[in-house]
Amino acid sequence: MKYHQPYGITDPNGSYVNGDPSVGRAGSIPPAESIEFPQREIVNLITDVNIADPTDADLHQLAKAIQSSRLNYSADYGTANAYVAHLSPAADDYFTGMVCRLKVGATNAGDSTLALYPLSPKHVVRPDGTNLQQYDLIAGQIATFVYDGAQWVLTGINAAGSGGPIYLTAPRTYYVNANTGDDNFDGSQAAVGTSPKGPFRTLQKASNAVAKFNLNGYNVDVYVADGTYGPVQLPQVAGQGSVLWHGNSATPANCLIAANQTNAAVGFAGIANYMNGFKVTHTGVGSVSECNGIYGNGPHSLSIDNMEWGATVGAQNRLVNGAQLRFGLSAFKISGGTPGGPYSPGCFIECSQASKADCPISVHMTLNITGAPNYGTAFIRCFDVGVVDWVADVTGAATGPRYYVATNGIINTGGGGASYVPGSTPGTALSGGQYV
């Protein structure tokens, strides 16, 4: 709507004046447009938001229409990854700072667009400018987008996606392949398909995807193809259920997790993770990081089966502050040792500060040691109320001290005797430590 000057005035910005008979001044004559068009604008706004029919019985309808914020809200008329909003009135262009609130119709699988019908779609990014990731948009949520002059920016991203925790309603499966995968894929299938269908490339991408879930009584299976992978921090998830990481149980070395200059090849959190069929190594510099194989810090637990440990700089399994590592009944293998470094000892197991390494007592696990690897500190080191239940049928030999136990730590071999733990020199028990 434009400004309509008084009737008979040629200046498009001419002002209205009141009539004054005392000085013989005629008042301005308003053209019909100056009365009709403002009314039409107000009535159209009330009608566009569709909260009530225009009526003279309520002279606050304009304020209520603005208060409703419905001019920038729409249900979704598009599909997953290609969202469409129908605003009323329909937008005729995109403007910097424009806001759209959309009730999402379908969960996104990755990179996405948003169109304001009938305009062409525009790309959507996270606040940091990166493409959307799977589950950033959840079916049923109301998401807010702001146009920055070139693309939409989705607001409110958090660790669980913009819609908060996602409650599983069925088991879920992901696939990871270091050779053919891409972290821009959705991880939903083992073979590469039409984007975004295909496996993830890294274990960490899969872990990040799983971390968004409340398991809600269901399991998540992650199938990992043969290949070499970088370090991973396993997710901490809410709800009952397990996260099952499947490598190569027959030949764990084919699924190699190799780290360099990080605290660990595998870090774990929560209580839901189970790993089967992986080899871990760490070739980092001990003066830079701890360089552990598997590392738990805090009241978390990890269950493992069919694992192999290659050479590491720090401990191959380090547990502190209440962490628990649970060995299964399958065959385990050691193919390399550890000298230890300034931040982590040279041990197969170090357990301290009320942590526990738990091997089944009634049924022995099996451990095959190849190449007589050396342990610079001790094969098992346990102190500060740590507990190691070590009952294993071992083939092969290791060199270095068998054990070190102190300050109320306990190494329980089920009565296996002083030479039961692998090593080439006797172990040491000090300061309340017990070896039984």
Protein backbone atom coordinates (compact mmCIF):
# COMPACT_ATOMS: atom_id res chain seq x y z
CA MET A 1 0.00 0.00 0.00
CA LYS A 2 1.27 3.46 -0.84
CA TYR A 3 0.50 6.90 0.59
CA HIS A 4 -2.46 8.68 -1.03
CA GLN A 5 -2.21 12.48 -0.85
CA PRO A 6 -5.33 14.71 -0.55
CA TYR A 7 -7.59 14.92 -3.55
CA GLY A 8 -6.44 17.63 -6.00
CA ILE A 9 -2.89 17.85 -4.58
CA THR A 10 -0.16 17.04 -7.12
CA ASP A 11 2.66 16.54 -4.60
CA PRO A 12 2.72 12.76 -3.92
CA ASN A 13 3.84 13.53 -0.36
CA GLY A 14 1.42 16.41 0.18
CA SER A 15 0.05 16.63 3.69
CA TYR A 16 -3.56 16.73 4.86
CA VAL A 17 -4.82 19.94 6.52
CA ASN A 18 -7.83 20.61 8.68
CA GLY A 19 -10.41 23.13 7.54
CA ASP A 20 -10.64 26.42 9.48
CA PRO A 21 -13.67 28.63 8.67
CA SER A 22 -12.27 31.46 10.79
CA VAL A 23 -9.53 32.03 8.25
CA GLY A 24 -11.42 30.72 5.24
CA ARG A 25 -9.29 27.53 4.88
CA ALA A 26 -10.89 24.50 3.28
CA GLY A 27 -10.03 21.12 4.69
CA SER A 28 -8.33 18.42 2.62
CA ILE A 29 -10.53 16.07 0.66
CA PRO A 30 -9.46 12.45 1.24
CA PRO A 31 -9.58 10.26 -1.86
CA ALA A 32 -11.40 6.93 -1.52
CA GLU A 33 -8.09 5.01 -1.66
CA SER A 34 -6.81 6.70 1.49
CA ILE A 35 -9.72 5.21 3.42
CA GLU A 36 -10.31 1.92 1.67
CA PHE A 37 -6.74 0.67 1.21
CA PRO A 38 -5.60 0.93 4.87
CA GLN A 39 -8.76 -0.89 5.90
CA ARG A 40 -8.06 -3.57 3.30
CA GLU A 41 -4.47 -3.99 4.60
CA ILE A 42 -5.67 -4.44 8.17
CA VAL A 43 -8.51 -6.79 7.24
CA ASN A 44 -6.20 -8.85 5.00
CA LEU A 45 -3.70 -9.26 7.85
CA ILE A 46 -6.44 -10.46 10.19
CA THR A 47 -7.69 -12.82 7.48
CA ASP A 48 -4.22 -14.12 6.55
CA VAL A 49 -3.45 -15.29 10.08
CA ASN A 50 -6.88 -16.97 10.23
CA ILE A 51 -7.43 -16.62 13.96
CA ALA A 52 -10.87 -14.95 13.67
CA ASP A 53 -13.18 -13.32 11.15
CA PRO A 54 -12.81 -9.52 11.01
CA THR A 55 -15.39 -7.90 13.27
CA ASP A 56 -16.12 -4.47 14.73
CA ALA A 57 -16.84 -6.15 18.08
CA ASP A 58 -13.09 -6.55 18.72
CA LEU A 59 -10.85 -3.58 17.97
CA HIS A 60 -7.68 -5.45 19.02
CA GLN A 61 -7.68 -7.94 16.16
CA LEU A 62 -4.68 -6.36 14.44
CA ALA A 63 -2.59 -6.63 17.62
CA LYS A 64 -3.73 -10.22 18.15
CA ALA A 65 -2.87 -11.11 14.57
CA ILE A 66 0.66 -9.77 15.01
CA GLN A 67 0.94 -11.46 18.40
CA SER A 68 0.02 -14.85 16.89
CA SER A 69 3.20 -14.90 14.70
CA ARG A 70 1.31 -17.06 12.23
CA LEU A 71 2.46 -15.08 9.18
CA ASN A 72 5.81 -16.95 9.29
CA TYR A 73 4.54 -20.40 10.31
CA SER A 74 3.63 -23.33 8.07
CA ALA A 75 3.14 -27.04 8.04
CA ASP A 76 5.56 -28.91 5.76
CA TYR A 77 4.39 -29.59 2.20
CA GLY A 78 7.66 -31.10 1.01
CA THR A 79 9.62 -34.30 1.56
CA ALA A 80 12.60 -35.37 3.68
CA ASN A 81 15.61 -33.19 2.78
CA ALA A 82 13.42 -30.98 0.50
CA TYR A 83 11.09 -29.03 2.74
CA VAL A 84 8.37 -26.62 1.52
CA ALA A 85 6.48 -23.97 3.50
CA HIS A 86 3.21 -22.38 2.36
CA LEU A 87 3.05 -19.00 4.06
CA SER A 88 0.01 -16.75 3.96
CA PRO A 89 0.32 -14.47 2.14
CA ALA A 90 2.66 -16.30 -0.24
CA ALA A 91 6.18 -14.87 -0.24
CA ASP A 92 7.29 -13.16 -3.47
CA ASP A 93 11.00 -13.09 -2.59
CA TYR A 94 13.61 -14.04 0.06
CA PHE A 95 14.87 -11.24 2.29
CA THR A 96 17.82 -11.09 4.68
CA GLY A 97 16.56 -11.66 8.21
CA MET A 98 13.36 -13.40 7.08
CA VAL A 99 12.14 -16.02 9.56
CA CYS A 100 10.24 -19.21 8.81
CA ARG A 101 8.94 -21.64 11.41
CA LEU A 102 8.12 -25.05 9.97
CA LYS A 103 6.44 -28.09 11.47
CA VAL A 104 8.72 -30.73 9.99
CA GLY A 105 6.94 -33.49 8.10
CA ALA A 106 9.80 -36.00 7.71
CA THR A 107 13.12 -36.56 9.48
CA ASN A 108 16.08 -35.47 7.37
CA ALA A 109 18.79 -37.86 6.25
CA GLY A 110 21.43 -35.18 5.70
CA ASP A 111 21.92 -32.05 3.59
CA SER A 112 18.57 -30.28 3.01
CA THR A 113 16.74 -27.37 1.33
CA LEU A 114 13.74 -25.21 2.24
CA ALA A 115 11.44 -23.45 -0.22
CA LEU A 116 8.80 -20.81 0.47
CA TYR A 117 6.18 -21.73 -2.11
CA PRO A 118 6.12 -20.70 -4.95
CA LEU A 119 9.79 -19.64 -4.73
CA SER A 120 12.70 -21.91 -5.60
CA PRO A 121 14.36 -23.85 -2.73
CA LYS A 122 17.32 -22.50 -0.78
CA HIS A 123 20.08 -24.44 0.95
CA VAL A 124 19.89 -24.95 4.74
CA VAL A 125 22.95 -24.90 7.02
CA ARG A 126 23.71 -25.20 10.71
CA PRO A 127 24.64 -22.06 12.69
CA ASP A 128 28.32 -22.78 12.01
CA GLY A 129 27.72 -22.83 8.25
CA THR A 130 28.07 -26.59 7.79
CA ASN A 131 25.52 -28.78 6.04
CA LEU A 132 22.73 -30.38 8.05
CA GLN A 133 23.42 -33.84 9.43
CA GLN A 134 20.99 -36.70 9.79
CA TYR A 135 18.38 -36.06 12.53
CA ASP A 136 18.96 -32.31 12.68
CA LEU A 137 15.31 -32.12 11.65
CA ILE A 138 12.88 -34.51 13.33
CA ALA A 139 9.40 -35.31 12.08
CA GLY A 140 6.87 -33.41 14.20
CA GLN A 141 9.24 -30.78 15.58
CA ILE A 142 8.80 -27.07 14.91
CA ALA A 143 12.10 -25.82 13.49
CA THR A 144 13.08 -22.17 13.07
CA PHE A 145 15.02 -20.95 10.02
CA VAL A 146 16.51 -17.50 9.40
CA TYR A 147 17.51 -16.36 5.90
CA ASP A 148 20.99 -14.81 5.80
CA GLY A 149 20.76 -13.34 2.30
CA ALA A 150 21.99 -16.48 0.54
CA GLN A 151 20.68 -19.51 2.45
CA TRP A 152 18.61 -20.60 5.43
CA VAL A 153 20.27 -21.02 8.83
CA LEU A 154 18.65 -23.56 11.16
CA THR A 155 18.71 -22.34 14.75
CA GLY A 156 18.85 -24.38 17.95
CA ILE A 157 21.25 -27.19 16.99
CA ASN A 158 22.45 -29.24 19.98
CA ALA A 159 24.26 -32.51 20.61
CA ALA A 160 21.11 -34.53 20.16
CA GLY A 161 20.00 -32.68 17.03
CA SER A 162 17.77 -29.64 16.88
CA GLY A 163 14.79 -31.66 18.10
CA GLY A 164 16.40 -32.99 21.30
CA PRO A 165 16.80 -36.69 22.19
CA ILE A 166 15.36 -39.16 19.70
CA TYR A 167 13.48 -42.11 21.19
CA LEU A 168 13.93 -45.27 19.17
CA THR A 169 10.75 -47.07 18.24
CA ALA A 170 12.54 -50.02 16.58
CA PRO A 171 16.06 -51.45 16.36
CA ARG A 172 18.42 -49.47 14.14
CA THR A 173 21.38 -50.48 11.98
CA TYR A 174 24.33 -48.48 10.69
CA TYR A 175 27.20 -49.39 8.36
CA VAL A 176 30.78 -48.10 8.27
CA ASN A 177 33.34 -48.65 5.50
CA ALA A 178 36.73 -46.93 5.53
CA ASN A 179 37.22 -47.61 1.81
CA THR A 180 33.88 -46.78 0.17
CA GLY A 181 32.08 -44.80 2.86
CA ASP A 182 31.54 -41.07 3.24
CA ASP A 183 30.60 -39.20 6.40
CA ASN A 184 28.12 -37.21 4.31
CA PHE A 185 26.17 -40.44 3.75
CA ASP A 186 23.46 -41.50 6.18
CA GLY A 187 25.04 -44.85 7.17
CA SER A 188 21.83 -46.70 6.36
CA GLN A 189 23.21 -49.30 3.96
CA ALA A 190 26.44 -51.19 3.35
CA ALA A 191 26.65 -50.39 -0.36
CA VAL A 192 26.94 -46.91 -1.82
CA GLY A 193 23.64 -45.87 -3.35
CA THR A 194 22.07 -42.62 -4.49
CA SER A 195 23.24 -39.90 -2.11
CA PRO A 196 22.81 -39.74 0.83
CA LYS A 197 22.42 -43.53 0.96
CA GLY A 198 25.61 -45.38 1.85
CA PRO A 199 27.98 -46.26 4.70
CA PHE A 200 29.78 -43.82 6.95
CA ARG A 201 33.54 -43.58 6.50
CA THR A 202 34.61 -43.21 10.15
CA LEU A 203 33.71 -44.89 13.40
CA GLN A 204 33.38 -41.48 15.03
CA LYS A 205 30.67 -40.44 12.59
CA ALA A 206 28.71 -43.57 13.50
CA SER A 207 29.25 -42.89 17.19
CA ASN A 208 27.98 -39.32 16.79
CA ALA A 209 24.87 -40.59 15.00
CA VAL A 210 24.14 -43.12 17.75
CA ALA A 211 24.69 -40.52 20.49
CA LYS A 212 21.50 -38.72 19.47
CA PHE A 213 19.29 -41.60 20.59
CA ASN A 214 17.49 -42.66 23.70
CA LEU A 215 17.60 -46.42 23.04
CA ASN A 216 14.15 -46.84 24.60
CA GLY A 217 14.56 -50.62 24.96
CA TYR A 218 16.03 -51.24 21.47
CA ASN A 219 19.53 -52.05 20.19
CA VAL A 220 21.66 -50.26 17.62
CA ASP A 221 23.92 -52.50 15.49
CA VAL A 222 26.94 -50.93 13.79
CA TYR A 223 28.51 -53.17 11.13
CA VAL A 224 32.09 -52.21 10.30
CA ALA A 225 33.76 -53.41 7.09
CA ASP A 226 37.41 -54.49 6.96
CA GLY A 227 39.72 -51.49 6.82
CA THR A 228 41.88 -49.12 8.86
CA TYR A 229 40.06 -46.63 11.08
CA GLY A 230 41.07 -43.71 13.22
CA PRO A 231 40.35 -43.37 16.94
CA VAL A 232 36.79 -43.34 18.26
CA GLN A 233 35.02 -42.16 21.40
CA LEU A 234 32.12 -44.55 21.85
CA PRO A 235 28.79 -42.86 22.65
CA GLN A 236 26.98 -42.41 25.91
CA VAL A 237 23.30 -43.05 25.29
CA ALA A 238 20.19 -42.96 27.46
CA GLY A 239 17.56 -45.64 27.85
CA GLN A 240 17.69 -49.43 28.01
CA GLY A 241 19.39 -51.25 25.15
CA SER A 242 22.84 -51.89 23.69
CA VAL A 243 25.10 -50.43 21.02
CA LEU A 244 26.73 -53.40 19.27
CA TRP A 245 29.88 -52.72 17.25
CA HIS A 246 30.52 -55.62 14.84
CA GLY A 247 33.97 -55.88 13.27
CA ASN A 248 35.61 -59.04 11.96
CA SER A 249 35.26 -61.66 14.71
CA ALA A 250 37.19 -64.28 12.73
CA THR A 251 40.15 -61.98 11.91
CA PRO A 252 40.06 -58.90 14.15
CA ALA A 253 43.26 -57.52 12.60
CA ASN A 254 41.28 -56.83 9.42
CA CYS A 255 39.30 -54.19 11.35
CA LEU A 256 42.15 -52.05 12.66
CA ILE A 257 41.63 -49.04 14.91
CA ALA A 258 44.93 -47.17 14.74
CA ALA A 259 45.54 -44.00 16.75
CA ASN A 260 48.33 -41.43 16.88
CA GLN A 261 48.75 -38.65 19.46
CA THR A 262 45.40 -39.07 21.20
CA ASN A 263 44.54 -40.40 24.65
CA ALA A 264 43.25 -43.66 23.21
CA ALA A 265 42.38 -45.65 20.12
CA VAL A 266 39.03 -46.47 21.76
CA GLY A 267 37.49 -44.35 24.51
CA PHE A 268 34.18 -45.34 26.01
CA ALA A 269 31.32 -43.79 27.96
CA GLY A 270 27.99 -44.98 29.29
CA ILE A 271 27.15 -48.63 29.87
CA ALA A 272 25.63 -49.72 26.56
CA ASN A 273 28.62 -50.38 24.27
CA TYR A 274 29.79 -53.83 23.16
CA MET A 275 32.68 -54.40 20.70
CA ASN A 276 33.47 -57.60 18.83
CA GLY A 277 36.18 -58.20 16.24
CA PHE A 278 38.64 -55.28 16.28
CA LYS A 279 42.39 -54.77 16.65
CA VAL A 280 43.66 -51.65 18.43
CA THR A 281 47.07 -49.99 18.20
CA HIS A 282 48.55 -46.65 19.20
CA THR A 283 51.71 -45.35 17.60
CA GLY A 284 51.61 -41.85 19.10
CA VAL A 285 54.24 -39.91 20.97
CA GLY A 286 54.00 -40.54 24.72
CA SER A 287 55.15 -37.04 25.56
CA VAL A 288 52.09 -35.64 23.76
CA SER A 289 49.23 -37.83 25.00
CA GLU A 290 48.45 -40.97 26.98
CA CYS A 291 48.46 -43.20 23.89
CA ASN A 292 46.30 -45.97 25.37
CA GLY A 293 44.63 -48.76 23.44
CA ILE A 294 41.25 -48.85 25.22
CA TYR A 295 40.55 -46.16 27.81
CA GLY A 296 37.72 -45.71 30.30
CA ASN A 297 37.57 -42.72 32.64
CA GLY A 298 34.58 -42.44 34.94
CA PRO A 299 31.67 -44.70 35.88
CA HIS A 300 31.34 -46.26 32.44
CA SER A 301 31.63 -49.82 31.15
CA LEU A 302 32.56 -51.58 27.91
CA SER A 303 32.14 -55.26 27.03
CA ILE A 304 34.52 -56.80 24.48
CA ASP A 305 34.98 -60.06 22.57
CA ASN A 306 37.35 -61.30 19.83
CA MET A 307 39.75 -58.38 20.27
CA GLU A 308 43.44 -58.06 19.41
CA TRP A 309 45.96 -55.62 20.86
CA GLY A 310 48.92 -54.51 18.78
CA ALA A 311 51.76 -52.30 19.98
CA THR A 312 50.82 -49.19 21.96
CA VAL A 313 52.86 -46.49 23.68
CA GLY A 314 50.71 -46.35 26.83
CA ALA A 315 48.59 -49.00 28.51
CA GLN A 316 46.70 -51.30 26.17
CA ASN A 317 43.71 -51.15 28.53
CA ARG A 318 43.56 -48.32 31.06
CA LEU A 319 40.69 -47.91 33.56
CA VAL A 320 40.40 -45.03 36.02
CA ASN A 321 37.75 -43.37 38.21
CA GLY A 322 35.32 -46.29 38.38
CA ALA A 323 35.49 -47.51 34.77
CA GLN A 324 34.83 -51.19 34.01
CA LEU A 325 36.09 -53.36 31.15
CA ARG A 326 34.35 -56.71 30.75
CA PHE A 327 36.13 -59.48 28.82
CA GLY A 328 33.92 -62.08 27.14
CA LEU A 329 34.58 -65.80 26.66
CA SER A 330 35.91 -65.61 23.11
CA ALA A 331 39.54 -65.78 21.97
CA PHE A 332 41.65 -62.66 22.57
CA LYS A 333 45.07 -61.96 21.10
CA ILE A 334 48.11 -59.83 21.90
CA SER A 335 50.56 -59.18 19.06
CA GLY A 336 52.52 -56.24 20.46
CA GLY A 337 53.60 -54.78 23.80
CA THR A 338 54.02 -51.33 25.30
CA PRO A 339 57.03 -49.54 26.81
CA GLY A 340 54.89 -46.99 28.64
CA GLY A 341 55.24 -43.23 28.53
CA PRO A 342 55.17 -40.22 30.86
CA TYR A 343 51.34 -40.17 30.98
CA SER A 344 50.43 -43.86 30.84
CA PRO A 345 52.26 -47.00 32.01
CA GLY A 346 53.45 -49.93 29.94
CA CYS A 347 50.77 -52.48 30.90
CA PHE A 348 48.26 -54.79 29.31
CA ILE A 349 45.83 -53.71 32.04
CA GLU A 350 46.10 -50.75 34.39
CA CYS A 351 43.23 -50.46 36.85
CA SER A 352 42.93 -47.80 39.58
CA GLN A 353 40.59 -45.55 41.55
CA ALA A 354 37.83 -48.13 42.13
CA SER A 355 37.86 -49.35 38.52
CA LYS A 356 37.54 -53.00 37.49
CA ALA A 357 38.75 -55.30 34.73
CA ASP A 358 36.40 -58.27 34.78
CA CYS A 359 37.29 -61.64 33.28
CA PRO A 360 34.81 -64.50 33.78
CA ILE A 361 35.84 -66.58 36.81
CA SER A 362 33.88 -69.81 36.37
CA VAL A 363 34.61 -70.18 32.63
CA HIS A 364 38.04 -69.07 31.45
CA MET A 365 38.58 -66.75 28.54
CA THR A 366 41.42 -67.61 26.15
CA LEU A 367 44.38 -65.37 25.29
CA ASN A 368 46.96 -65.99 22.59
CA ILE A 369 50.19 -63.99 22.92
CA THR A 370 52.51 -63.93 19.89
CA GLY A 371 56.08 -62.66 19.58
CA ALA A 372 56.86 -62.38 23.33
CA PRO A 373 55.88 -58.70 23.63
CA ASN A 374 57.46 -56.65 26.40
CA TYR A 375 55.61 -54.68 29.06
CA GLY A 376 57.73 -51.87 30.47
CA THR A 377 55.77 -51.47 33.75
CA ALA A 378 53.94 -54.74 34.40
CA PHE A 379 51.49 -56.95 32.54
CA ILE A 380 48.83 -56.00 35.13
CA ARG A 381 49.06 -52.91 37.33
CA CYS A 382 46.36 -52.45 39.97
CA PHE A 383 46.16 -49.91 42.82
CA ASP A 384 43.92 -47.44 44.67
CA VAL A 385 41.07 -49.91 45.23
CA GLY A 386 41.14 -51.16 41.65
CA VAL A 387 40.13 -54.78 41.03
CA VAL A 388 41.32 -57.11 38.27
CA ASP A 389 39.70 -60.53 37.95
CA TRP A 390 42.24 -62.38 35.81
CA VAL A 391 41.31 -65.96 34.96
CA ALA A 392 42.53 -66.86 31.47
CA ASP A 393 43.91 -69.77 29.51
CA VAL A 394 47.05 -68.25 28.01
CA THR A 395 49.22 -69.50 25.17
CA GLY A 396 52.51 -67.76 24.37
CA ALA A 397 54.58 -65.57 26.66
CA ALA A 398 55.27 -61.94 27.52
CA THR A 399 58.38 -60.32 28.97
CA GLY A 400 58.64 -57.83 31.81
CA PRO A 401 57.19 -57.85 35.36
CA ARG A 402 54.08 -59.99 35.82
CA TYR A 403 52.15 -57.61 38.04
CA TYR A 404 52.20 -54.65 40.38
CA VAL A 405 49.50 -54.33 43.06
CA ALA A 406 49.36 -51.71 45.84
CA THR A 407 47.19 -49.40 47.98
CA ASN A 408 44.27 -51.81 48.43
CA GLY A 409 44.18 -52.93 44.84
CA ILE A 410 43.25 -56.58 44.22
CA ILE A 411 44.38 -58.95 41.49
CA ASN A 412 42.25 -62.09 41.68
CA THR A 413 43.59 -65.05 39.72
CA GLY A 414 41.30 -67.56 41.38
CA GLY A 415 44.30 -69.08 43.15
CA GLY A 416 46.40 -69.35 40.00
CA GLY A 417 49.69 -68.73 41.80
CA ALA A 418 52.51 -66.19 41.57
CA SER A 419 53.43 -67.06 37.95
CA TYR A 420 49.88 -67.20 36.61
CA VAL A 421 49.94 -63.72 35.07
CA PRO A 422 52.13 -63.53 31.92
CA GLY A 423 55.61 -62.03 32.28
CA SER A 424 59.27 -62.97 32.68
CA THR A 425 60.05 -61.48 36.10
CA PRO A 426 58.17 -61.72 39.43
CA GLY A 427 55.36 -59.40 40.35
CA THR A 428 55.23 -56.99 43.27
CA ALA A 429 52.64 -56.51 46.02
CA LEU A 430 52.98 -53.40 48.22
CA SER A 431 51.05 -51.17 50.64
CA GLY A 432 47.94 -53.25 51.17
CA GLY A 433 47.75 -54.60 47.64
CA GLN A 434 46.53 -58.20 47.37
CA TYR A 435 47.40 -60.82 44.79
CA VAL A 436 45.21 -63.91 45.27
